[in-house]
Amino acid sequence: GLTQVALTLVPVIGKTARGDISVRG
């Protein structure tokens, strides 16, 4: 299911093994 959240992101960006983008939050 879906939900909505307020969060903060930091500029730590990587890639997962599947090639998706991961950002620290």
PDBML (XML) file of the C-alpha atoms, coordinates in Angstrom:
<?xml version="1.0" encoding="UTF-8" ?>
<PDBx:datablock datablockName="MODEL"
   xmlns:PDBx="http://pdbml.pdb.org/schema/pdbx-v50.xsd"
   xmlns:xsi="http://www.w3.org/2001/XMLSchema-instance"
   xsi:schemaLocation="http://pdbml.pdb.org/schema/pdbx-v50.xsd pdbx-v50.xsd">
   <PDBx:atom_siteCategory>
      <PDBx:atom_site id="1">
         <PDBx:B_iso_or_equiv>0.00</PDBx:B_iso_or_equiv>
         <PDBx:Cartn_x>0.000</PDBx:Cartn_x>
         <PDBx:Cartn_y>0.000</PDBx:Cartn_y>
         <PDBx:Cartn_z>0.000</PDBx:Cartn_z>
         <PDBx:auth_asym_id>A</PDBx:auth_asym_id>
         <PDBx:auth_atom_id>CA</PDBx:auth_atom_id>
         <PDBx:auth_comp_id>GLY</PDBx:auth_comp_id>
         <PDBx:auth_seq_id>1</PDBx:auth_seq_id>
         <PDBx:group_PDB>ATOM</PDBx:group_PDB>
         <PDBx:label_alt_id xsi:nil="true" />
         <PDBx:label_asym_id>A</PDBx:label_asym_id>
         <PDBx:label_atom_id>CA</PDBx:label_atom_id>
         <PDBx:label_comp_id>GLY</PDBx:label_comp_id>
         <PDBx:label_entity_id>1</PDBx:label_entity_id>
         <PDBx:label_seq_id>1</PDBx:label_seq_id>
         <PDBx:occupancy>1.00</PDBx:occupancy>
         <PDBx:pdbx_PDB_model_num>1</PDBx:pdbx_PDB_model_num>
         <PDBx:type_symbol>C</PDBx:type_symbol>
      </PDBx:atom_site>
      <PDBx:atom_site id="2">
         <PDBx:B_iso_or_equiv>0.00</PDBx:B_iso_or_equiv>
         <PDBx:Cartn_x>0.921</PDBx:Cartn_x>
         <PDBx:Cartn_y>3.648</PDBx:Cartn_y>
         <PDBx:Cartn_z>-0.308</PDBx:Cartn_z>
         <PDBx:auth_asym_id>A</PDBx:auth_asym_id>
         <PDBx:auth_atom_id>CA</PDBx:auth_atom_id>
         <PDBx:auth_comp_id>LEU</PDBx:auth_comp_id>
         <PDBx:auth_seq_id>2</PDBx:auth_seq_id>
         <PDBx:group_PDB>ATOM</PDBx:group_PDB>
         <PDBx:label_alt_id xsi:nil="true" />
         <PDBx:label_asym_id>A</PDBx:label_asym_id>
         <PDBx:label_atom_id>CA</PDBx:label_atom_id>
         <PDBx:label_comp_id>LEU</PDBx:label_comp_id>
         <PDBx:label_entity_id>1</PDBx:label_entity_id>
         <PDBx:label_seq_id>2</PDBx:label_seq_id>
         <PDBx:occupancy>1.00</PDBx:occupancy>
         <PDBx:pdbx_PDB_model_num>1</PDBx:pdbx_PDB_model_num>
         <PDBx:type_symbol>C</PDBx:type_symbol>
      </PDBx:atom_site>
      <PDBx:atom_site id="3">
         <PDBx:B_iso_or_equiv>0.00</PDBx:B_iso_or_equiv>
         <PDBx:Cartn_x>1.411</PDBx:Cartn_x>
         <PDBx:Cartn_y>6.322</PDBx:Cartn_y>
         <PDBx:Cartn_z>2.301</PDBx:Cartn_z>
         <PDBx:auth_asym_id>A</PDBx:auth_asym_id>
         <PDBx:auth_atom_id>CA</PDBx:auth_atom_id>
         <PDBx:auth_comp_id>THR</PDBx:auth_comp_id>
         <PDBx:auth_seq_id>3</PDBx:auth_seq_id>
         <PDBx:group_PDB>ATOM</PDBx:group_PDB>
         <PDBx:label_alt_id xsi:nil="true" />
         <PDBx:label_asym_id>A</PDBx:label_asym_id>
         <PDBx:label_atom_id>CA</PDBx:label_atom_id>
         <PDBx:label_comp_id>THR</PDBx:label_comp_id>
         <PDBx:label_entity_id>1</PDBx:label_entity_id>
         <PDBx:label_seq_id>3</PDBx:label_seq_id>
         <PDBx:occupancy>1.00</PDBx:occupancy>
         <PDBx:pdbx_PDB_model_num>1</PDBx:pdbx_PDB_model_num>
         <PDBx:type_symbol>C</PDBx:type_symbol>
      </PDBx:atom_site>
      <PDBx:atom_site id="4">
         <PDBx:B_iso_or_equiv>0.00</PDBx:B_iso_or_equiv>
         <PDBx:Cartn_x>2.754</PDBx:Cartn_x>
         <PDBx:Cartn_y>9.868</PDBx:Cartn_y>
         <PDBx:Cartn_z>2.349</PDBx:Cartn_z>
         <PDBx:auth_asym_id>A</PDBx:auth_asym_id>
         <PDBx:auth_atom_id>CA</PDBx:auth_atom_id>
         <PDBx:auth_comp_id>GLN</PDBx:auth_comp_id>
         <PDBx:auth_seq_id>4</PDBx:auth_seq_id>
         <PDBx:group_PDB>ATOM</PDBx:group_PDB>
         <PDBx:label_alt_id xsi:nil="true" />
         <PDBx:label_asym_id>A</PDBx:label_asym_id>
         <PDBx:label_atom_id>CA</PDBx:label_atom_id>
         <PDBx:label_comp_id>GLN</PDBx:label_comp_id>
         <PDBx:label_entity_id>1</PDBx:label_entity_id>
         <PDBx:label_seq_id>4</PDBx:label_seq_id>
         <PDBx:occupancy>1.00</PDBx:occupancy>
         <PDBx:pdbx_PDB_model_num>1</PDBx:pdbx_PDB_model_num>
         <PDBx:type_symbol>C</PDBx:type_symbol>
      </PDBx:atom_site>
      <PDBx:atom_site id="5">
         <PDBx:B_iso_or_equiv>0.00</PDBx:B_iso_or_equiv>
         <PDBx:Cartn_x>5.569</PDBx:Cartn_x>
         <PDBx:Cartn_y>11.063</PDBx:Cartn_y>
         <PDBx:Cartn_z>4.582</PDBx:Cartn_z>
         <PDBx:auth_asym_id>A</PDBx:auth_asym_id>
         <PDBx:auth_atom_id>CA</PDBx:auth_atom_id>
         <PDBx:auth_comp_id>VAL</PDBx:auth_comp_id>
         <PDBx:auth_seq_id>5</PDBx:auth_seq_id>
         <PDBx:group_PDB>ATOM</PDBx:group_PDB>
         <PDBx:label_alt_id xsi:nil="true" />
         <PDBx:label_asym_id>A</PDBx:label_asym_id>
         <PDBx:label_atom_id>CA</PDBx:label_atom_id>
         <PDBx:label_comp_id>VAL</PDBx:label_comp_id>
         <PDBx:label_entity_id>1</PDBx:label_entity_id>
         <PDBx:label_seq_id>5</PDBx:label_seq_id>
         <PDBx:occupancy>1.00</PDBx:occupancy>
         <PDBx:pdbx_PDB_model_num>1</PDBx:pdbx_PDB_model_num>
         <PDBx:type_symbol>C</PDBx:type_symbol>
      </PDBx:atom_site>
      <PDBx:atom_site id="6">
         <PDBx:B_iso_or_equiv>0.00</PDBx:B_iso_or_equiv>
         <PDBx:Cartn_x>7.550</PDBx:Cartn_x>
         <PDBx:Cartn_y>14.203</PDBx:Cartn_y>
         <PDBx:Cartn_z>5.220</PDBx:Cartn_z>
         <PDBx:auth_asym_id>A</PDBx:auth_asym_id>
         <PDBx:auth_atom_id>CA</PDBx:auth_atom_id>
         <PDBx:auth_comp_id>ALA</PDBx:auth_comp_id>
         <PDBx:auth_seq_id>6</PDBx:auth_seq_id>
         <PDBx:group_PDB>ATOM</PDBx:group_PDB>
         <PDBx:label_alt_id xsi:nil="true" />
         <PDBx:label_asym_id>A</PDBx:label_asym_id>
         <PDBx:label_atom_id>CA</PDBx:label_atom_id>
         <PDBx:label_comp_id>ALA</PDBx:label_comp_id>
         <PDBx:label_entity_id>1</PDBx:label_entity_id>
         <PDBx:label_seq_id>6</PDBx:label_seq_id>
         <PDBx:occupancy>1.00</PDBx:occupancy>
         <PDBx:pdbx_PDB_model_num>1</PDBx:pdbx_PDB_model_num>
         <PDBx:type_symbol>C</PDBx:type_symbol>
      </PDBx:atom_site>
      <PDBx:atom_site id="7">
         <PDBx:B_iso_or_equiv>0.00</PDBx:B_iso_or_equiv>
         <PDBx:Cartn_x>11.234</PDBx:Cartn_x>
         <PDBx:Cartn_y>13.494</PDBx:Cartn_y>
         <PDBx:Cartn_z>5.620</PDBx:Cartn_z>
         <PDBx:auth_asym_id>A</PDBx:auth_asym_id>
         <PDBx:auth_atom_id>CA</PDBx:auth_atom_id>
         <PDBx:auth_comp_id>LEU</PDBx:auth_comp_id>
         <PDBx:auth_seq_id>7</PDBx:auth_seq_id>
         <PDBx:group_PDB>ATOM</PDBx:group_PDB>
         <PDBx:label_alt_id xsi:nil="true" />
         <PDBx:label_asym_id>A</PDBx:label_asym_id>
         <PDBx:label_atom_id>CA</PDBx:label_atom_id>
         <PDBx:label_comp_id>LEU</PDBx:label_comp_id>
         <PDBx:label_entity_id>1</PDBx:label_entity_id>
         <PDBx:label_seq_id>7</PDBx:label_seq_id>
         <PDBx:occupancy>1.00</PDBx:occupancy>
         <PDBx:pdbx_PDB_model_num>1</PDBx:pdbx_PDB_model_num>
         <PDBx:type_symbol>C</PDBx:type_symbol>
      </PDBx:atom_site>
      <PDBx:atom_site id="8">
         <PDBx:B_iso_or_equiv>0.00</PDBx:B_iso_or_equiv>
         <PDBx:Cartn_x>14.639</PDBx:Cartn_x>
         <PDBx:Cartn_y>15.017</PDBx:Cartn_y>
         <PDBx:Cartn_z>4.960</PDBx:Cartn_z>
         <PDBx:auth_asym_id>A</PDBx:auth_asym_id>
         <PDBx:auth_atom_id>CA</PDBx:auth_atom_id>
         <PDBx:auth_comp_id>THR</PDBx:auth_comp_id>
         <PDBx:auth_seq_id>8</PDBx:auth_seq_id>
         <PDBx:group_PDB>ATOM</PDBx:group_PDB>
         <PDBx:label_alt_id xsi:nil="true" />
         <PDBx:label_asym_id>A</PDBx:label_asym_id>
         <PDBx:label_atom_id>CA</PDBx:label_atom_id>
         <PDBx:label_comp_id>THR</PDBx:label_comp_id>
         <PDBx:label_entity_id>1</PDBx:label_entity_id>
         <PDBx:label_seq_id>8</PDBx:label_seq_id>
         <PDBx:occupancy>1.00</PDBx:occupancy>
         <PDBx:pdbx_PDB_model_num>1</PDBx:pdbx_PDB_model_num>
         <PDBx:type_symbol>C</PDBx:type_symbol>
      </PDBx:atom_site>
      <PDBx:atom_site id="9">
         <PDBx:B_iso_or_equiv>0.00</PDBx:B_iso_or_equiv>
         <PDBx:Cartn_x>17.154</PDBx:Cartn_x>
         <PDBx:Cartn_y>13.807</PDBx:Cartn_y>
         <PDBx:Cartn_z>2.401</PDBx:Cartn_z>
         <PDBx:auth_asym_id>A</PDBx:auth_asym_id>
         <PDBx:auth_atom_id>CA</PDBx:auth_atom_id>
         <PDBx:auth_comp_id>LEU</PDBx:auth_comp_id>
         <PDBx:auth_seq_id>9</PDBx:auth_seq_id>
         <PDBx:group_PDB>ATOM</PDBx:group_PDB>
         <PDBx:label_alt_id xsi:nil="true" />
         <PDBx:label_asym_id>A</PDBx:label_asym_id>
         <PDBx:label_atom_id>CA</PDBx:label_atom_id>
         <PDBx:label_comp_id>LEU</PDBx:label_comp_id>
         <PDBx:label_entity_id>1</PDBx:label_entity_id>
         <PDBx:label_seq_id>9</PDBx:label_seq_id>
         <PDBx:occupancy>1.00</PDBx:occupancy>
         <PDBx:pdbx_PDB_model_num>1</PDBx:pdbx_PDB_model_num>
         <PDBx:type_symbol>C</PDBx:type_symbol>
      </PDBx:atom_site>
      <PDBx:atom_site id="10">
         <PDBx:B_iso_or_equiv>0.00</PDBx:B_iso_or_equiv>
         <PDBx:Cartn_x>20.927</PDBx:Cartn_x>
         <PDBx:Cartn_y>14.199</PDBx:Cartn_y>
         <PDBx:Cartn_z>2.588</PDBx:Cartn_z>
         <PDBx:auth_asym_id>A</PDBx:auth_asym_id>
         <PDBx:auth_atom_id>CA</PDBx:auth_atom_id>
         <PDBx:auth_comp_id>VAL</PDBx:auth_comp_id>
         <PDBx:auth_seq_id>10</PDBx:auth_seq_id>
         <PDBx:group_PDB>ATOM</PDBx:group_PDB>
         <PDBx:label_alt_id xsi:nil="true" />
         <PDBx:label_asym_id>A</PDBx:label_asym_id>
         <PDBx:label_atom_id>CA</PDBx:label_atom_id>
         <PDBx:label_comp_id>VAL</PDBx:label_comp_id>
         <PDBx:label_entity_id>1</PDBx:label_entity_id>
         <PDBx:label_seq_id>10</PDBx:label_seq_id>
         <PDBx:occupancy>1.00</PDBx:occupancy>
         <PDBx:pdbx_PDB_model_num>1</PDBx:pdbx_PDB_model_num>
         <PDBx:type_symbol>C</PDBx:type_symbol>
      </PDBx:atom_site>
      <PDBx:atom_site id="11">
         <PDBx:B_iso_or_equiv>0.00</PDBx:B_iso_or_equiv>
         <PDBx:Cartn_x>23.326</PDBx:Cartn_x>
         <PDBx:Cartn_y>14.200</PDBx:Cartn_y>
         <PDBx:Cartn_z>-0.383</PDBx:Cartn_z>
         <PDBx:auth_asym_id>A</PDBx:auth_asym_id>
         <PDBx:auth_atom_id>CA</PDBx:auth_atom_id>
         <PDBx:auth_comp_id>PRO</PDBx:auth_comp_id>
         <PDBx:auth_seq_id>11</PDBx:auth_seq_id>
         <PDBx:group_PDB>ATOM</PDBx:group_PDB>
         <PDBx:label_alt_id xsi:nil="true" />
         <PDBx:label_asym_id>A</PDBx:label_asym_id>
         <PDBx:label_atom_id>CA</PDBx:label_atom_id>
         <PDBx:label_comp_id>PRO</PDBx:label_comp_id>
         <PDBx:label_entity_id>1</PDBx:label_entity_id>
         <PDBx:label_seq_id>11</PDBx:label_seq_id>
         <PDBx:occupancy>1.00</PDBx:occupancy>
         <PDBx:pdbx_PDB_model_num>1</PDBx:pdbx_PDB_model_num>
         <PDBx:type_symbol>C</PDBx:type_symbol>
      </PDBx:atom_site>
      <PDBx:atom_site id="12">
         <PDBx:B_iso_or_equiv>0.00</PDBx:B_iso_or_equiv>
         <PDBx:Cartn_x>24.473</PDBx:Cartn_x>
         <PDBx:Cartn_y>10.607</PDBx:Cartn_y>
         <PDBx:Cartn_z>0.066</PDBx:Cartn_z>
         <PDBx:auth_asym_id>A</PDBx:auth_asym_id>
         <PDBx:auth_atom_id>CA</PDBx:auth_atom_id>
         <PDBx:auth_comp_id>VAL</PDBx:auth_comp_id>
         <PDBx:auth_seq_id>12</PDBx:auth_seq_id>
         <PDBx:group_PDB>ATOM</PDBx:group_PDB>
         <PDBx:label_alt_id xsi:nil="true" />
         <PDBx:label_asym_id>A</PDBx:label_asym_id>
         <PDBx:label_atom_id>CA</PDBx:label_atom_id>
         <PDBx:label_comp_id>VAL</PDBx:label_comp_id>
         <PDBx:label_entity_id>1</PDBx:label_entity_id>
         <PDBx:label_seq_id>12</PDBx:label_seq_id>
         <PDBx:occupancy>1.00</PDBx:occupancy>
         <PDBx:pdbx_PDB_model_num>1</PDBx:pdbx_PDB_model_num>
         <PDBx:type_symbol>C</PDBx:type_symbol>
      </PDBx:atom_site>
      <PDBx:atom_site id="13">
         <PDBx:B_iso_or_equiv>0.00</PDBx:B_iso_or_equiv>
         <PDBx:Cartn_x>23.424</PDBx:Cartn_x>
         <PDBx:Cartn_y>8.902</PDBx:Cartn_y>
         <PDBx:Cartn_z>-3.144</PDBx:Cartn_z>
         <PDBx:auth_asym_id>A</PDBx:auth_asym_id>
         <PDBx:auth_atom_id>CA</PDBx:auth_atom_id>
         <PDBx:auth_comp_id>ILE</PDBx:auth_comp_id>
         <PDBx:auth_seq_id>13</PDBx:auth_seq_id>
         <PDBx:group_PDB>ATOM</PDBx:group_PDB>
         <PDBx:label_alt_id xsi:nil="true" />
         <PDBx:label_asym_id>A</PDBx:label_asym_id>
         <PDBx:label_atom_id>CA</PDBx:label_atom_id>
         <PDBx:label_comp_id>ILE</PDBx:label_comp_id>
         <PDBx:label_entity_id>1</PDBx:label_entity_id>
         <PDBx:label_seq_id>13</PDBx:label_seq_id>
         <PDBx:occupancy>1.00</PDBx:occupancy>
         <PDBx:pdbx_PDB_model_num>1</PDBx:pdbx_PDB_model_num>
         <PDBx:type_symbol>C</PDBx:type_symbol>
      </PDBx:atom_site>
      <PDBx:atom_site id="14">
         <PDBx:B_iso_or_equiv>0.00</PDBx:B_iso_or_equiv>
         <PDBx:Cartn_x>24.203</PDBx:Cartn_x>
         <PDBx:Cartn_y>5.379</PDBx:Cartn_y>
         <PDBx:Cartn_z>-4.289</PDBx:Cartn_z>
         <PDBx:auth_asym_id>A</PDBx:auth_asym_id>
         <PDBx:auth_atom_id>CA</PDBx:auth_atom_id>
         <PDBx:auth_comp_id>GLY</PDBx:auth_comp_id>
         <PDBx:auth_seq_id>14</PDBx:auth_seq_id>
         <PDBx:group_PDB>ATOM</PDBx:group_PDB>
         <PDBx:label_alt_id xsi:nil="true" />
         <PDBx:label_asym_id>A</PDBx:label_asym_id>
         <PDBx:label_atom_id>CA</PDBx:label_atom_id>
         <PDBx:label_comp_id>GLY</PDBx:label_comp_id>
         <PDBx:label_entity_id>1</PDBx:label_entity_id>
         <PDBx:label_seq_id>14</PDBx:label_seq_id>
         <PDBx:occupancy>1.00</PDBx:occupancy>
         <PDBx:pdbx_PDB_model_num>1</PDBx:pdbx_PDB_model_num>
         <PDBx:type_symbol>C</PDBx:type_symbol>
      </PDBx:atom_site>
      <PDBx:atom_site id="15">
         <PDBx:B_iso_or_equiv>0.00</PDBx:B_iso_or_equiv>
         <PDBx:Cartn_x>22.979</PDBx:Cartn_x>
         <PDBx:Cartn_y>2.561</PDBx:Cartn_y>
         <PDBx:Cartn_z>-6.468</PDBx:Cartn_z>
         <PDBx:auth_asym_id>A</PDBx:auth_asym_id>
         <PDBx:auth_atom_id>CA</PDBx:auth_atom_id>
         <PDBx:auth_comp_id>LYS</PDBx:auth_comp_id>
         <PDBx:auth_seq_id>15</PDBx:auth_seq_id>
         <PDBx:group_PDB>ATOM</PDBx:group_PDB>
         <PDBx:label_alt_id xsi:nil="true" />
         <PDBx:label_asym_id>A</PDBx:label_asym_id>
         <PDBx:label_atom_id>CA</PDBx:label_atom_id>
         <PDBx:label_comp_id>LYS</PDBx:label_comp_id>
         <PDBx:label_entity_id>1</PDBx:label_entity_id>
         <PDBx:label_seq_id>15</PDBx:label_seq_id>
         <PDBx:occupancy>1.00</PDBx:occupancy>
         <PDBx:pdbx_PDB_model_num>1</PDBx:pdbx_PDB_model_num>
         <PDBx:type_symbol>C</PDBx:type_symbol>
      </PDBx:atom_site>
      <PDBx:atom_site id="16">
         <PDBx:B_iso_or_equiv>0.00</PDBx:B_iso_or_equiv>
         <PDBx:Cartn_x>21.484</PDBx:Cartn_x>
         <PDBx:Cartn_y>-0.721</PDBx:Cartn_y>
         <PDBx:Cartn_z>-5.387</PDBx:Cartn_z>
         <PDBx:auth_asym_id>A</PDBx:auth_asym_id>
         <PDBx:auth_atom_id>CA</PDBx:auth_atom_id>
         <PDBx:auth_comp_id>THR</PDBx:auth_comp_id>
         <PDBx:auth_seq_id>16</PDBx:auth_seq_id>
         <PDBx:group_PDB>ATOM</PDBx:group_PDB>
         <PDBx:label_alt_id xsi:nil="true" />
         <PDBx:label_asym_id>A</PDBx:label_asym_id>
         <PDBx:label_atom_id>CA</PDBx:label_atom_id>
         <PDBx:label_comp_id>THR</PDBx:label_comp_id>
         <PDBx:label_entity_id>1</PDBx:label_entity_id>
         <PDBx:label_seq_id>16</PDBx:label_seq_id>
         <PDBx:occupancy>1.00</PDBx:occupancy>
         <PDBx:pdbx_PDB_model_num>1</PDBx:pdbx_PDB_model_num>
         <PDBx:type_symbol>C</PDBx:type_symbol>
      </PDBx:atom_site>
      <PDBx:atom_site id="17">
         <PDBx:B_iso_or_equiv>0.00</PDBx:B_iso_or_equiv>
         <PDBx:Cartn_x>22.455</PDBx:Cartn_x>
         <PDBx:Cartn_y>-4.078</PDBx:Cartn_y>
         <PDBx:Cartn_z>-6.847</PDBx:Cartn_z>
         <PDBx:auth_asym_id>A</PDBx:auth_asym_id>
         <PDBx:auth_atom_id>CA</PDBx:auth_atom_id>
         <PDBx:auth_comp_id>ALA</PDBx:auth_comp_id>
         <PDBx:auth_seq_id>17</PDBx:auth_seq_id>
         <PDBx:group_PDB>ATOM</PDBx:group_PDB>
         <PDBx:label_alt_id xsi:nil="true" />
         <PDBx:label_asym_id>A</PDBx:label_asym_id>
         <PDBx:label_atom_id>CA</PDBx:label_atom_id>
         <PDBx:label_comp_id>ALA</PDBx:label_comp_id>
         <PDBx:label_entity_id>1</PDBx:label_entity_id>
         <PDBx:label_seq_id>17</PDBx:label_seq_id>
         <PDBx:occupancy>1.00</PDBx:occupancy>
         <PDBx:pdbx_PDB_model_num>1</PDBx:pdbx_PDB_model_num>
         <PDBx:type_symbol>C</PDBx:type_symbol>
      </PDBx:atom_site>
      <PDBx:atom_site id="18">
         <PDBx:B_iso_or_equiv>0.00</PDBx:B_iso_or_equiv>
         <PDBx:Cartn_x>19.445</PDBx:Cartn_x>
         <PDBx:Cartn_y>-3.739</PDBx:Cartn_y>
         <PDBx:Cartn_z>-9.183</PDBx:Cartn_z>
         <PDBx:auth_asym_id>A</PDBx:auth_asym_id>
         <PDBx:auth_atom_id>CA</PDBx:auth_atom_id>
         <PDBx:auth_comp_id>ARG</PDBx:auth_comp_id>
         <PDBx:auth_seq_id>18</PDBx:auth_seq_id>
         <PDBx:group_PDB>ATOM</PDBx:group_PDB>
         <PDBx:label_alt_id xsi:nil="true" />
         <PDBx:label_asym_id>A</PDBx:label_asym_id>
         <PDBx:label_atom_id>CA</PDBx:label_atom_id>
         <PDBx:label_comp_id>ARG</PDBx:label_comp_id>
         <PDBx:label_entity_id>1</PDBx:label_entity_id>
         <PDBx:label_seq_id>18</PDBx:label_seq_id>
         <PDBx:occupancy>1.00</PDBx:occupancy>
         <PDBx:pdbx_PDB_model_num>1</PDBx:pdbx_PDB_model_num>
         <PDBx:type_symbol>C</PDBx:type_symbol>
      </PDBx:atom_site>
      <PDBx:atom_site id="19">
         <PDBx:B_iso_or_equiv>0.00</PDBx:B_iso_or_equiv>
         <PDBx:Cartn_x>20.615</PDBx:Cartn_x>
         <PDBx:Cartn_y>-0.339</PDBx:Cartn_y>
         <PDBx:Cartn_z>-10.444</PDBx:Cartn_z>
         <PDBx:auth_asym_id>A</PDBx:auth_asym_id>
         <PDBx:auth_atom_id>CA</PDBx:auth_atom_id>
         <PDBx:auth_comp_id>GLY</PDBx:auth_comp_id>
         <PDBx:auth_seq_id>19</PDBx:auth_seq_id>
         <PDBx:group_PDB>ATOM</PDBx:group_PDB>
         <PDBx:label_alt_id xsi:nil="true" />
         <PDBx:label_asym_id>A</PDBx:label_asym_id>
         <PDBx:label_atom_id>CA</PDBx:label_atom_id>
         <PDBx:label_comp_id>GLY</PDBx:label_comp_id>
         <PDBx:label_entity_id>1</PDBx:label_entity_id>
         <PDBx:label_seq_id>19</PDBx:label_seq_id>
         <PDBx:occupancy>1.00</PDBx:occupancy>
         <PDBx:pdbx_PDB_model_num>1</PDBx:pdbx_PDB_model_num>
         <PDBx:type_symbol>C</PDBx:type_symbol>
      </PDBx:atom_site>
      <PDBx:atom_site id="20">
         <PDBx:B_iso_or_equiv>0.00</PDBx:B_iso_or_equiv>
         <PDBx:Cartn_x>18.006</PDBx:Cartn_x>
         <PDBx:Cartn_y>1.634</PDBx:Cartn_y>
         <PDBx:Cartn_z>-8.497</PDBx:Cartn_z>
         <PDBx:auth_asym_id>A</PDBx:auth_asym_id>
         <PDBx:auth_atom_id>CA</PDBx:auth_atom_id>
         <PDBx:auth_comp_id>ASP</PDBx:auth_comp_id>
         <PDBx:auth_seq_id>20</PDBx:auth_seq_id>
         <PDBx:group_PDB>ATOM</PDBx:group_PDB>
         <PDBx:label_alt_id xsi:nil="true" />
         <PDBx:label_asym_id>A</PDBx:label_asym_id>
         <PDBx:label_atom_id>CA</PDBx:label_atom_id>
         <PDBx:label_comp_id>ASP</PDBx:label_comp_id>
         <PDBx:label_entity_id>1</PDBx:label_entity_id>
         <PDBx:label_seq_id>20</PDBx:label_seq_id>
         <PDBx:occupancy>1.00</PDBx:occupancy>
         <PDBx:pdbx_PDB_model_num>1</PDBx:pdbx_PDB_model_num>
         <PDBx:type_symbol>C</PDBx:type_symbol>
      </PDBx:atom_site>
      <PDBx:atom_site id="21">
         <PDBx:B_iso_or_equiv>0.00</PDBx:B_iso_or_equiv>
         <PDBx:Cartn_x>18.968</PDBx:Cartn_x>
         <PDBx:Cartn_y>4.910</PDBx:Cartn_y>
         <PDBx:Cartn_z>-6.823</PDBx:Cartn_z>
         <PDBx:auth_asym_id>A</PDBx:auth_asym_id>
         <PDBx:auth_atom_id>CA</PDBx:auth_atom_id>
         <PDBx:auth_comp_id>ILE</PDBx:auth_comp_id>
         <PDBx:auth_seq_id>21</PDBx:auth_seq_id>
         <PDBx:group_PDB>ATOM</PDBx:group_PDB>
         <PDBx:label_alt_id xsi:nil="true" />
         <PDBx:label_asym_id>A</PDBx:label_asym_id>
         <PDBx:label_atom_id>CA</PDBx:label_atom_id>
         <PDBx:label_comp_id>ILE</PDBx:label_comp_id>
         <PDBx:label_entity_id>1</PDBx:label_entity_id>
         <PDBx:label_seq_id>21</PDBx:label_seq_id>
         <PDBx:occupancy>1.00</PDBx:occupancy>
         <PDBx:pdbx_PDB_model_num>1</PDBx:pdbx_PDB_model_num>
         <PDBx:type_symbol>C</PDBx:type_symbol>
      </PDBx:atom_site>
      <PDBx:atom_site id="22">
         <PDBx:B_iso_or_equiv>0.00</PDBx:B_iso_or_equiv>
         <PDBx:Cartn_x>19.293</PDBx:Cartn_x>
         <PDBx:Cartn_y>4.991</PDBx:Cartn_y>
         <PDBx:Cartn_z>-3.045</PDBx:Cartn_z>
         <PDBx:auth_asym_id>A</PDBx:auth_asym_id>
         <PDBx:auth_atom_id>CA</PDBx:auth_atom_id>
         <PDBx:auth_comp_id>SER</PDBx:auth_comp_id>
         <PDBx:auth_seq_id>22</PDBx:auth_seq_id>
         <PDBx:group_PDB>ATOM</PDBx:group_PDB>
         <PDBx:label_alt_id xsi:nil="true" />
         <PDBx:label_asym_id>A</PDBx:label_asym_id>
         <PDBx:label_atom_id>CA</PDBx:label_atom_id>
         <PDBx:label_comp_id>SER</PDBx:label_comp_id>
         <PDBx:label_entity_id>1</PDBx:label_entity_id>
         <PDBx:label_seq_id>22</PDBx:label_seq_id>
         <PDBx:occupancy>1.00</PDBx:occupancy>
         <PDBx:pdbx_PDB_model_num>1</PDBx:pdbx_PDB_model_num>
         <PDBx:type_symbol>C</PDBx:type_symbol>
      </PDBx:atom_site>
      <PDBx:atom_site id="23">
         <PDBx:B_iso_or_equiv>0.00</PDBx:B_iso_or_equiv>
         <PDBx:Cartn_x>19.365</PDBx:Cartn_x>
         <PDBx:Cartn_y>8.231</PDBx:Cartn_y>
         <PDBx:Cartn_z>-1.054</PDBx:Cartn_z>
         <PDBx:auth_asym_id>A</PDBx:auth_asym_id>
         <PDBx:auth_atom_id>CA</PDBx:auth_atom_id>
         <PDBx:auth_comp_id>VAL</PDBx:auth_comp_id>
         <PDBx:auth_seq_id>23</PDBx:auth_seq_id>
         <PDBx:group_PDB>ATOM</PDBx:group_PDB>
         <PDBx:label_alt_id xsi:nil="true" />
         <PDBx:label_asym_id>A</PDBx:label_asym_id>
         <PDBx:label_atom_id>CA</PDBx:label_atom_id>
         <PDBx:label_comp_id>VAL</PDBx:label_comp_id>
         <PDBx:label_entity_id>1</PDBx:label_entity_id>
         <PDBx:label_seq_id>23</PDBx:label_seq_id>
         <PDBx:occupancy>1.00</PDBx:occupancy>
         <PDBx:pdbx_PDB_model_num>1</PDBx:pdbx_PDB_model_num>
         <PDBx:type_symbol>C</PDBx:type_symbol>
      </PDBx:atom_site>
      <PDBx:atom_site id="24">
         <PDBx:B_iso_or_equiv>0.00</PDBx:B_iso_or_equiv>
         <PDBx:Cartn_x>19.965</PDBx:Cartn_x>
         <PDBx:Cartn_y>8.538</PDBx:Cartn_y>
         <PDBx:Cartn_z>2.677</PDBx:Cartn_z>
         <PDBx:auth_asym_id>A</PDBx:auth_asym_id>
         <PDBx:auth_atom_id>CA</PDBx:auth_atom_id>
         <PDBx:auth_comp_id>ARG</PDBx:auth_comp_id>
         <PDBx:auth_seq_id>24</PDBx:auth_seq_id>
         <PDBx:group_PDB>ATOM</PDBx:group_PDB>
         <PDBx:label_alt_id xsi:nil="true" />
         <PDBx:label_asym_id>A</PDBx:label_asym_id>
         <PDBx:label_atom_id>CA</PDBx:label_atom_id>
         <PDBx:label_comp_id>ARG</PDBx:label_comp_id>
         <PDBx:label_entity_id>1</PDBx:label_entity_id>
         <PDBx:label_seq_id>24</PDBx:label_seq_id>
         <PDBx:occupancy>1.00</PDBx:occupancy>
         <PDBx:pdbx_PDB_model_num>1</PDBx:pdbx_PDB_model_num>
         <PDBx:type_symbol>C</PDBx:type_symbol>
      </PDBx:atom_site>
      <PDBx:atom_site id="25">
         <PDBx:B_iso_or_equiv>0.00</PDBx:B_iso_or_equiv>
         <PDBx:Cartn_x>16.978</PDBx:Cartn_x>
         <PDBx:Cartn_y>10.053</PDBx:Cartn_y>
         <PDBx:Cartn_z>4.437</PDBx:Cartn_z>
         <PDBx:auth_asym_id>A</PDBx:auth_asym_id>
         <PDBx:auth_atom_id>CA</PDBx:auth_atom_id>
         <PDBx:auth_comp_id>GLY</PDBx:auth_comp_id>
         <PDBx:auth_seq_id>25</PDBx:auth_seq_id>
         <PDBx:group_PDB>ATOM</PDBx:group_PDB>
         <PDBx:label_alt_id xsi:nil="true" />
         <PDBx:label_asym_id>A</PDBx:label_asym_id>
         <PDBx:label_atom_id>CA</PDBx:label_atom_id>
         <PDBx:label_comp_id>GLY</PDBx:label_comp_id>
         <PDBx:label_entity_id>1</PDBx:label_entity_id>
         <PDBx:label_seq_id>25</PDBx:label_seq_id>
         <PDBx:occupancy>1.00</PDBx:occupancy>
         <PDBx:pdbx_PDB_model_num>1</PDBx:pdbx_PDB_model_num>
         <PDBx:type_symbol>C</PDBx:type_symbol>
      </PDBx:atom_site>
   </PDBx:atom_siteCategory>
</PDBx:datablock>
